Amino acid sequence: MTFEPPIHWNDYEDIAMKLYERFGDDFNEGRIYRIRFTDLHKWILEIPNFAGTAEQSNEGHLEMIQSTWVYEWRDSQKK
């Protein structure tokens, strides 16, 4: 069993990777940008080892996570 450090709101790449692992190619770039922040917020809070609280979130975090998720998705398309 490997130790995974806790994930916080500003760990954008870690969150984006976890979301990509969970949803894979179910969401392409266009769909990721159309996700409601309420849904994105809920999915982030469901990530195992996520240590942030709902109250610590803000729109800036969600926007960064969303765009980082798009970069994760784009990178996976190149392989």
PDB file of N, CA and C in Angstrom:
ATOM      1  N   MET A   1       0.854  -1.186   0.000  1.00  0.00           N
ATOM      2  CA  MET A   1       0.000   0.000   0.000  1.00  0.00           C
ATOM      3  C   MET A   1       0.895   1.244   0.000  1.00  0.00           C
ATOM      4  N   THR A   2       0.625   2.149  -0.912  1.00  0.00           N
ATOM      5  CA  THR A   2       1.443   3.356  -1.004  1.00  0.00           C
ATOM      6  C   THR A   2       0.753   4.517  -0.311  1.00  0.00           C
ATOM      7  N   PHE A   3       1.555   5.377   0.242  1.00  0.00           N
ATOM      8  CA  PHE A   3       1.024   6.566   0.909  1.00  0.00           C
ATOM      9  C   PHE A   3       0.775   7.653  -0.118  1.00  0.00           C
ATOM     10  N   GLU A   4      -0.423   8.192  -0.120  1.00  0.00           N
ATOM     11  CA  GLU A   4      -0.715   9.340  -0.975  1.00  0.00           C
ATOM     12  C   GLU A   4      -0.961  10.538  -0.072  1.00  0.00           C
ATOM     13  N   PRO A   5      -0.209  11.612  -0.297  1.00  0.00           N
ATOM     14  CA  PRO A   5      -0.430  12.797   0.537  1.00  0.00           C
ATOM     15  C   PRO A   5      -1.819  13.367   0.280  1.00  0.00           C
ATOM     16  N   PRO A   6      -2.354  14.079   1.254  1.00  0.00           N
ATOM     17  CA  PRO A   6      -3.685  14.668   1.059  1.00  0.00           C
ATOM     18  C   PRO A   6      -3.687  15.663  -0.099  1.00  0.00           C
ATOM     19  N   ILE A   7      -4.818  15.756  -0.751  1.00  0.00           N
ATOM     20  CA  ILE A   7      -4.997  16.681  -1.872  1.00  0.00           C
ATOM     21  C   ILE A   7      -5.808  17.877  -1.379  1.00  0.00           C
ATOM     22  N   HIS A   8      -5.347  19.061  -1.749  1.00  0.00           N
ATOM     23  CA  HIS A   8      -6.031  20.298  -1.342  1.00  0.00           C
ATOM     24  C   HIS A   8      -6.512  21.050  -2.586  1.00  0.00           C
ATOM     25  N   TRP A   9      -7.304  22.086  -2.378  1.00  0.00           N
ATOM     26  CA  TRP A   9      -7.914  22.837  -3.481  1.00  0.00           C
ATOM     27  C   TRP A   9      -6.904  23.381  -4.483  1.00  0.00           C
ATOM     28  N   ASN A  10      -5.715  23.746  -4.037  1.00  0.00           N
ATOM     29  CA  ASN A  10      -4.747  24.333  -4.977  1.00  0.00           C
ATOM     30  C   ASN A  10      -3.834  23.281  -5.616  1.00  0.00           C
ATOM     31  N   ASP A  11      -4.116  22.005  -5.398  1.00  0.00           N
ATOM     32  CA  ASP A  11      -3.379  20.921  -6.060  1.00  0.00           C
ATOM     33  C   ASP A  11      -4.066  20.592  -7.383  1.00  0.00           C
ATOM     34  N   TYR A  12      -4.058  21.577  -8.284  1.00  0.00           N
ATOM     35  CA  TYR A  12      -4.852  21.485  -9.510  1.00  0.00           C
ATOM     36  C   TYR A  12      -4.512  20.266 -10.356  1.00  0.00           C
ATOM     37  N   GLU A  13      -3.219  19.985 -10.519  1.00  0.00           N
ATOM     38  CA  GLU A  13      -2.836  18.849 -11.355  1.00  0.00           C
ATOM     39  C   GLU A  13      -3.280  17.528 -10.739  1.00  0.00           C
ATOM     40  N   ASP A  14      -3.109  17.393  -9.435  1.00  0.00           N
ATOM     41  CA  ASP A  14      -3.532  16.154  -8.770  1.00  0.00           C
ATOM     42  C   ASP A  14      -5.034  15.946  -8.915  1.00  0.00           C
ATOM     43  N   ILE A  15      -5.796  17.014  -8.722  1.00  0.00           N
ATOM     44  CA  ILE A  15      -7.251  16.914  -8.844  1.00  0.00           C
ATOM     45  C   ILE A  15      -7.636  16.572 -10.280  1.00  0.00           C
ATOM     46  N   ALA A  16      -7.007  17.257 -11.236  1.00  0.00           N
ATOM     47  CA  ALA A  16      -7.319  17.005 -12.646  1.00  0.00           C
ATOM     48  C   ALA A  16      -7.015  15.563 -13.028  1.00  0.00           C
ATOM     49  N   MET A  17      -5.894  15.020 -12.530  1.00  0.00           N
ATOM     50  CA  MET A  17      -5.554  13.629 -12.833  1.00  0.00           C
ATOM     51  C   MET A  17      -6.584  12.675 -12.235  1.00  0.00           C
ATOM     52  N   LYS A  18      -7.022  12.960 -11.022  1.00  0.00           N
ATOM     53  CA  LYS A  18      -8.027  12.100 -10.380  1.00  0.00           C
ATOM     54  C   LYS A  18      -9.348  12.156 -11.147  1.00  0.00           C
ATOM     55  N   LEU A  19      -9.731  13.338 -11.606  1.00  0.00           N
ATOM     56  CA  LEU A  19     -10.970  13.456 -12.379  1.00  0.00           C
ATOM     57  C   LEU A  19     -10.840  12.726 -13.710  1.00  0.00           C
ATOM     58  N   TYR A  20      -9.675  12.835 -14.348  1.00  0.00           N
ATOM     59  CA  TYR A  20      -9.473  12.124 -15.607  1.00  0.00           C
ATOM     60  C   TYR A  20      -9.486  10.616 -15.374  1.00  0.00           C
ATOM     61  N   GLU A  21      -8.856  10.167 -14.285  1.00  0.00           N
ATOM     62  CA  GLU A  21      -8.872   8.734 -13.959  1.00  0.00           C
ATOM     63  C   GLU A  21     -10.304   8.254 -13.748  1.00  0.00           C
ATOM     64  N   ARG A  22     -11.112   9.073 -13.124  1.00  0.00           N
ATOM     65  CA  ARG A  22     -12.495   8.681 -12.834  1.00  0.00           C
ATOM     66  C   ARG A  22     -13.359   8.674 -14.096  1.00  0.00           C
ATOM     67  N   PHE A  23     -13.234   9.700 -14.924  1.00  0.00           N
ATOM     68  CA  PHE A  23     -14.156   9.864 -16.053  1.00  0.00           C
ATOM     69  C   PHE A  23     -13.550   9.523 -17.411  1.00  0.00           C
ATOM     70  N   GLY A  24     -12.221   9.445 -17.498  1.00  0.00           N
ATOM     71  CA  GLY A  24     -11.571   9.093 -18.757  1.00  0.00           C
ATOM     72  C   GLY A  24     -12.044   9.961 -19.906  1.00  0.00           C
ATOM     73  N   ASP A  25     -12.375   9.310 -21.003  1.00  0.00           N
ATOM     74  CA  ASP A  25     -12.796  10.038 -22.199  1.00  0.00           C
ATOM     75  C   ASP A  25     -14.301  10.284 -22.247  1.00  0.00           C
ATOM     76  N   ASP A  26     -14.998  10.076 -21.112  1.00  0.00           N
ATOM     77  CA  ASP A  26     -16.426  10.421 -21.067  1.00  0.00           C
ATOM     78  C   ASP A  26     -16.608  11.916 -21.284  1.00  0.00           C
ATOM     79  N   PHE A  27     -15.601  12.683 -20.895  1.00  0.00           N
ATOM     80  CA  PHE A  27     -15.644  14.136 -21.065  1.00  0.00           C
ATOM     81  C   PHE A  27     -14.523  14.555 -21.996  1.00  0.00           C
ATOM     82  N   ASN A  28     -14.878  15.167 -23.120  1.00  0.00           N
ATOM     83  CA  ASN A  28     -13.858  15.752 -23.985  1.00  0.00           C
ATOM     84  C   ASN A  28     -13.710  17.224 -23.608  1.00  0.00           C
ATOM     85  N   GLU A  29     -12.870  17.933 -24.326  1.00  0.00           N
ATOM     86  CA  GLU A  29     -12.585  19.331 -23.968  1.00  0.00           C
ATOM     87  C   GLU A  29     -13.853  20.172 -23.871  1.00  0.00           C
ATOM     88  N   GLY A  30     -14.715  20.075 -24.865  1.00  0.00           N
ATOM     89  CA  GLY A  30     -15.945  20.864 -24.859  1.00  0.00           C
ATOM     90  C   GLY A  30     -16.850  20.530 -23.690  1.00  0.00           C
ATOM     91  N   ARG A  31     -16.962  19.248 -23.393  1.00  0.00           N
ATOM     92  CA  ARG A  31     -17.826  18.833 -22.273  1.00  0.00           C
ATOM     93  C   ARG A  31     -17.248  19.249 -20.927  1.00  0.00           C
ATOM     94  N   ILE A  32     -15.929  19.200 -20.798  1.00  0.00           N
ATOM     95  CA  ILE A  32     -15.315  19.606 -19.526  1.00  0.00           C
ATOM     96  C   ILE A  32     -15.629  21.076 -19.253  1.00  0.00           C
ATOM     97  N   TYR A  33     -15.520  21.914 -20.284  1.00  0.00           N
ATOM     98  CA  TYR A  33     -15.786  23.347 -20.086  1.00  0.00           C
ATOM     99  C   TYR A  33     -17.262  23.646 -19.856  1.00  0.00           C
ATOM    100  N   ARG A  34     -18.145  22.696 -20.148  1.00  0.00           N
ATOM    101  CA  ARG A  34     -19.583  22.924 -19.915  1.00  0.00           C
ATOM    102  C   ARG A  34     -20.083  22.309 -18.604  1.00  0.00           C
ATOM    103  N   ILE A  35     -19.180  21.700 -17.838  1.00  0.00           N
ATOM    104  CA  ILE A  35     -19.584  21.109 -16.554  1.00  0.00           C
ATOM    105  C   ILE A  35     -20.002  22.226 -15.604  1.00  0.00           C
ATOM    106  N   ARG A  36     -21.122  22.013 -14.955  1.00  0.00           N
ATOM    107  CA  ARG A  36     -21.564  22.993 -13.946  1.00  0.00           C
ATOM    108  C   ARG A  36     -20.614  22.947 -12.762  1.00  0.00           C
ATOM    109  N   PHE A  37     -20.295  24.109 -12.219  1.00  0.00           N
ATOM    110  CA  PHE A  37     -19.391  24.164 -11.076  1.00  0.00           C
ATOM    111  C   PHE A  37     -19.951  23.398  -9.883  1.00  0.00           C
ATOM    112  N   THR A  38     -21.270  23.334  -9.751  1.00  0.00           N
ATOM    113  CA  THR A  38     -21.844  22.574  -8.633  1.00  0.00           C
ATOM    114  C   THR A  38     -21.498  21.095  -8.764  1.00  0.00           C
ATOM    115  N   ASP A  39     -21.526  20.561  -9.997  1.00  0.00           N
ATOM    116  CA  ASP A  39     -21.155  19.159 -10.216  1.00  0.00           C
ATOM    117  C   ASP A  39     -19.659  18.956  -9.997  1.00  0.00           C
ATOM    118  N   LEU A  40     -18.858  19.848 -10.561  1.00  0.00           N
ATOM    119  CA  LEU A  40     -17.406  19.751 -10.414  1.00  0.00           C
ATOM    120  C   LEU A  40     -17.021  19.779  -8.933  1.00  0.00           C
ATOM    121  N   HIS A  41     -17.622  20.677  -8.193  1.00  0.00           N
ATOM    122  CA  HIS A  41     -17.368  20.824  -6.760  1.00  0.00           C
ATOM    123  C   HIS A  41     -17.663  19.509  -6.037  1.00  0.00           C
ATOM    124  N   LYS A  42     -18.801  18.911  -6.336  1.00  0.00           N
ATOM    125  CA  LYS A  42     -19.220  17.652  -5.708  1.00  0.00           C
ATOM    126  C   LYS A  42     -18.225  16.533  -6.029  1.00  0.00           C
ATOM    127  N   TRP A  43     -17.812  16.437  -7.302  1.00  0.00           N
ATOM    128  CA  TRP A  43     -16.885  15.377  -7.709  1.00  0.00           C
ATOM    129  C   TRP A  43     -15.531  15.532  -7.031  1.00  0.00           C
ATOM    130  N   ILE A  44     -15.078  16.750  -6.863  1.00  0.00           N
ATOM    131  CA  ILE A  44     -13.791  16.990  -6.211  1.00  0.00           C
ATOM    132  C   ILE A  44     -13.860  16.547  -4.756  1.00  0.00           C
ATOM    133  N   LEU A  45     -14.942  16.885  -4.085  1.00  0.00           N
ATOM    134  CA  LEU A  45     -15.086  16.495  -2.679  1.00  0.00           C
ATOM    135  C   LEU A  45     -15.157  14.976  -2.522  1.00  0.00           C
ATOM    136  N   GLU A  46     -15.524  14.251  -3.579  1.00  0.00           N
ATOM    137  CA  GLU A  46     -15.610  12.786  -3.532  1.00  0.00           C
ATOM    138  C   GLU A  46     -14.271  12.097  -3.795  1.00  0.00           C
ATOM    139  N   ILE A  47     -13.244  12.846  -4.180  1.00  0.00           N
ATOM    140  CA  ILE A  47     -11.938  12.252  -4.473  1.00  0.00           C
ATOM    141  C   ILE A  47     -11.359  11.660  -3.190  1.00  0.00           C
ATOM    142  N   PRO A  48     -10.940  10.374  -3.264  1.00  0.00           N
ATOM    143  CA  PRO A  48     -10.304   9.784  -2.078  1.00  0.00           C
ATOM    144  C   PRO A  48      -9.060  10.595  -1.708  1.00  0.00           C
ATOM    145  N   ASN A  49      -8.853  10.804  -0.441  1.00  0.00           N
ATOM    146  CA  ASN A  49      -7.680  11.525   0.053  1.00  0.00           C
ATOM    147  C   ASN A  49      -7.773  13.033  -0.166  1.00  0.00           C
ATOM    148  N   PHE A  50      -8.949  13.540  -0.564  1.00  0.00           N
ATOM    149  CA  PHE A  50      -9.102  14.986  -0.698  1.00  0.00           C
ATOM    150  C   PHE A  50      -9.303  15.576   0.687  1.00  0.00           C
ATOM    151  N   ALA A  51      -8.464  16.539   1.040  1.00  0.00           N
ATOM    152  CA  ALA A  51      -8.468  17.078   2.398  1.00  0.00           C
ATOM    153  C   ALA A  51      -9.122  18.449   2.505  1.00  0.00           C
ATOM    154  N   GLY A  52      -9.480  19.047   1.376  1.00  0.00           N
ATOM    155  CA  GLY A  52     -10.107  20.365   1.417  1.00  0.00           C
ATOM    156  C   GLY A  52     -11.551  20.268   1.887  1.00  0.00           C
ATOM    157  N   THR A  53     -12.091  21.384   2.273  1.00  0.00           N
ATOM    158  CA  THR A  53     -13.503  21.426   2.674  1.00  0.00           C
ATOM    159  C   THR A  53     -14.296  22.183   1.617  1.00  0.00           C
ATOM    160  N   ALA A  54     -15.597  21.984   1.626  1.00  0.00           N
ATOM    161  CA  ALA A  54     -16.470  22.668   0.675  1.00  0.00           C
ATOM    162  C   ALA A  54     -16.325  24.179   0.806  1.00  0.00           C
ATOM    163  N   GLU A  55     -16.172  24.647   2.016  1.00  0.00           N
ATOM    164  CA  GLU A  55     -16.102  26.083   2.276  1.00  0.00           C
ATOM    165  C   GLU A  55     -14.813  26.720   1.762  1.00  0.00           C
ATOM    166  N   GLN A  56     -13.754  25.939   1.590  1.00  0.00           N
ATOM    167  CA  GLN A  56     -12.478  26.479   1.127  1.00  0.00           C
ATOM    168  C   GLN A  56     -12.457  26.701  -0.386  1.00  0.00           C
ATOM    169  N   SER A  57     -13.434  26.184  -1.065  1.00  0.00           N
ATOM    170  CA  SER A  57     -13.489  26.299  -2.518  1.00  0.00           C
ATOM    171  C   SER A  57     -13.862  27.710  -2.938  1.00  0.00           C
ATOM    172  N   ASN A  58     -13.411  28.090  -4.130  1.00  0.00           N
ATOM    173  CA  ASN A  58     -13.874  29.338  -4.720  1.00  0.00           C
ATOM    174  C   ASN A  58     -13.868  29.186  -6.240  1.00  0.00           C
ATOM    175  N   GLU A  59     -14.424  30.148  -6.918  1.00  0.00           N
ATOM    176  CA  GLU A  59     -14.556  30.063  -8.371  1.00  0.00           C
ATOM    177  C   GLU A  59     -13.198  29.957  -9.065  1.00  0.00           C
ATOM    178  N   GLY A  60     -12.215  30.645  -8.540  1.00  0.00           N
ATOM    179  CA  GLY A  60     -10.877  30.591  -9.112  1.00  0.00           C
ATOM    180  C   GLY A  60     -10.294  29.186  -9.083  1.00  0.00           C
ATOM    181  N   HIS A  61     -10.470  28.494  -7.943  1.00  0.00           N
ATOM    182  CA  HIS A  61     -10.005  27.108  -7.854  1.00  0.00           C
ATOM    183  C   HIS A  61     -10.710  26.247  -8.900  1.00  0.00           C
ATOM    184  N   LEU A  62     -12.016  26.379  -9.000  1.00  0.00           N
ATOM    185  CA  LEU A  62     -12.783  25.542  -9.925  1.00  0.00           C
ATOM    186  C   LEU A  62     -12.388  25.812 -11.371  1.00  0.00           C
ATOM    187  N   GLU A  63     -12.158  27.065 -11.715  1.00  0.00           N
ATOM    188  CA  GLU A  63     -11.728  27.398 -13.076  1.00  0.00           C
ATOM    189  C   GLU A  63     -10.361  26.793 -13.388  1.00  0.00           C
ATOM    190  N   MET A  64      -9.440  26.869 -12.436  1.00  0.00           N
ATOM    191  CA  MET A  64      -8.102  26.303 -12.642  1.00  0.00           C
ATOM    192  C   MET A  64      -8.166  24.785 -12.765  1.00  0.00           C
ATOM    193  N   ILE A  65      -8.973  24.155 -11.942  1.00  0.00           N
ATOM    194  CA  ILE A  65      -9.123  22.701 -11.998  1.00  0.00           C
ATOM    195  C   ILE A  65      -9.719  22.299 -13.342  1.00  0.00           C
ATOM    196  N   GLN A  66     -10.712  23.036 -13.778  1.00  0.00           N
ATOM    197  CA  GLN A  66     -11.364  22.740 -15.048  1.00  0.00           C
ATOM    198  C   GLN A  66     -10.371  22.840 -16.211  1.00  0.00           C
ATOM    199  N   SER A  67      -9.602  23.910 -16.262  1.00  0.00           N
ATOM    200  CA  SER A  67      -8.658  24.064 -17.371  1.00  0.00           C
ATOM    201  C   SER A  67      -7.518  23.051 -17.273  1.00  0.00           C
ATOM    202  N   THR A  68      -7.086  22.711 -16.070  1.00  0.00           N
ATOM    203  CA  THR A  68      -6.035  21.706 -15.910  1.00  0.00           C
ATOM    204  C   THR A  68      -6.543  20.333 -16.332  1.00  0.00           C
ATOM    205  N   TRP A  69      -7.808  20.045 -16.065  1.00  0.00           N
ATOM    206  CA  TRP A  69      -8.424  18.788 -16.508  1.00  0.00           C
ATOM    207  C   TRP A  69      -8.409  18.719 -18.047  1.00  0.00           C
ATOM    208  N   VAL A  70      -8.689  19.835 -18.705  1.00  0.00           N
ATOM    209  CA  VAL A  70      -8.640  19.877 -20.169  1.00  0.00           C
ATOM    210  C   VAL A  70      -7.230  19.539 -20.651  1.00  0.00           C
ATOM    211  N   TYR A  71      -6.200  20.092 -19.995  1.00  0.00           N
ATOM    212  CA  TYR A  71      -4.823  19.785 -20.388  1.00  0.00           C
ATOM    213  C   TYR A  71      -4.512  18.301 -20.188  1.00  0.00           C
ATOM    214  N   GLU A  72      -5.015  17.727 -19.086  1.00  0.00           N
ATOM    215  CA  GLU A  72      -4.841  16.285 -18.849  1.00  0.00           C
ATOM    216  C   GLU A  72      -5.487  15.491 -19.994  1.00  0.00           C
ATOM    217  N   TRP A  73      -6.694  15.877 -20.354  1.00  0.00           N
ATOM    218  CA  TRP A  73      -7.414  15.182 -21.419  1.00  0.00           C
ATOM    219  C   TRP A  73      -6.644  15.303 -22.739  1.00  0.00           C
ATOM    220  N   ARG A  74      -6.187  16.520 -23.057  1.00  0.00           N
ATOM    221  CA  ARG A  74      -5.425  16.726 -24.308  1.00  0.00           C
ATOM    222  C   ARG A  74      -4.167  15.866 -24.336  1.00  0.00           C
ATOM    223  N   ASP A  75      -3.446  15.825 -23.209  1.00  0.00           N
ATOM    224  CA  ASP A  75      -2.234  15.005 -23.148  1.00  0.00           C
ATOM    225  C   ASP A  75      -2.533  13.543 -23.411  1.00  0.00           C
ATOM    226  N   SER A  76      -3.638  13.064 -22.905  1.00  0.00           N
ATOM    227  CA  SER A  76      -3.985  11.646 -23.088  1.00  0.00           C
ATOM    228  C   SER A  76      -4.325  11.334 -24.529  1.00  0.00           C
ATOM    229  N   GLN A  77      -4.769  12.327 -25.280  1.00  0.00           N
ATOM    230  CA  GLN A  77      -5.139  12.120 -26.685  1.00  0.00           C
ATOM    231  C   GLN A  77      -3.914  11.977 -27.580  1.00  0.00           C
ATOM    232  N   LYS A  78      -2.763  12.440 -27.102  1.00  0.00           N
ATOM    233  CA  LYS A  78      -1.529  12.399 -27.886  1.00  0.00           C
ATOM    234  C   LYS A  78      -0.861  11.024 -27.840  1.00  0.00           C
ATOM    235  N   LYS A  79      -1.256  10.209 -26.876  1.00  0.00           N
ATOM    236  CA  LYS A  79      -0.582   8.917 -26.651  1.00  0.00           C
ATOM    237  C   LYS A  79      -1.102   7.858 -27.580  1.00  0.00           C
TER     238      LYS A  79
END
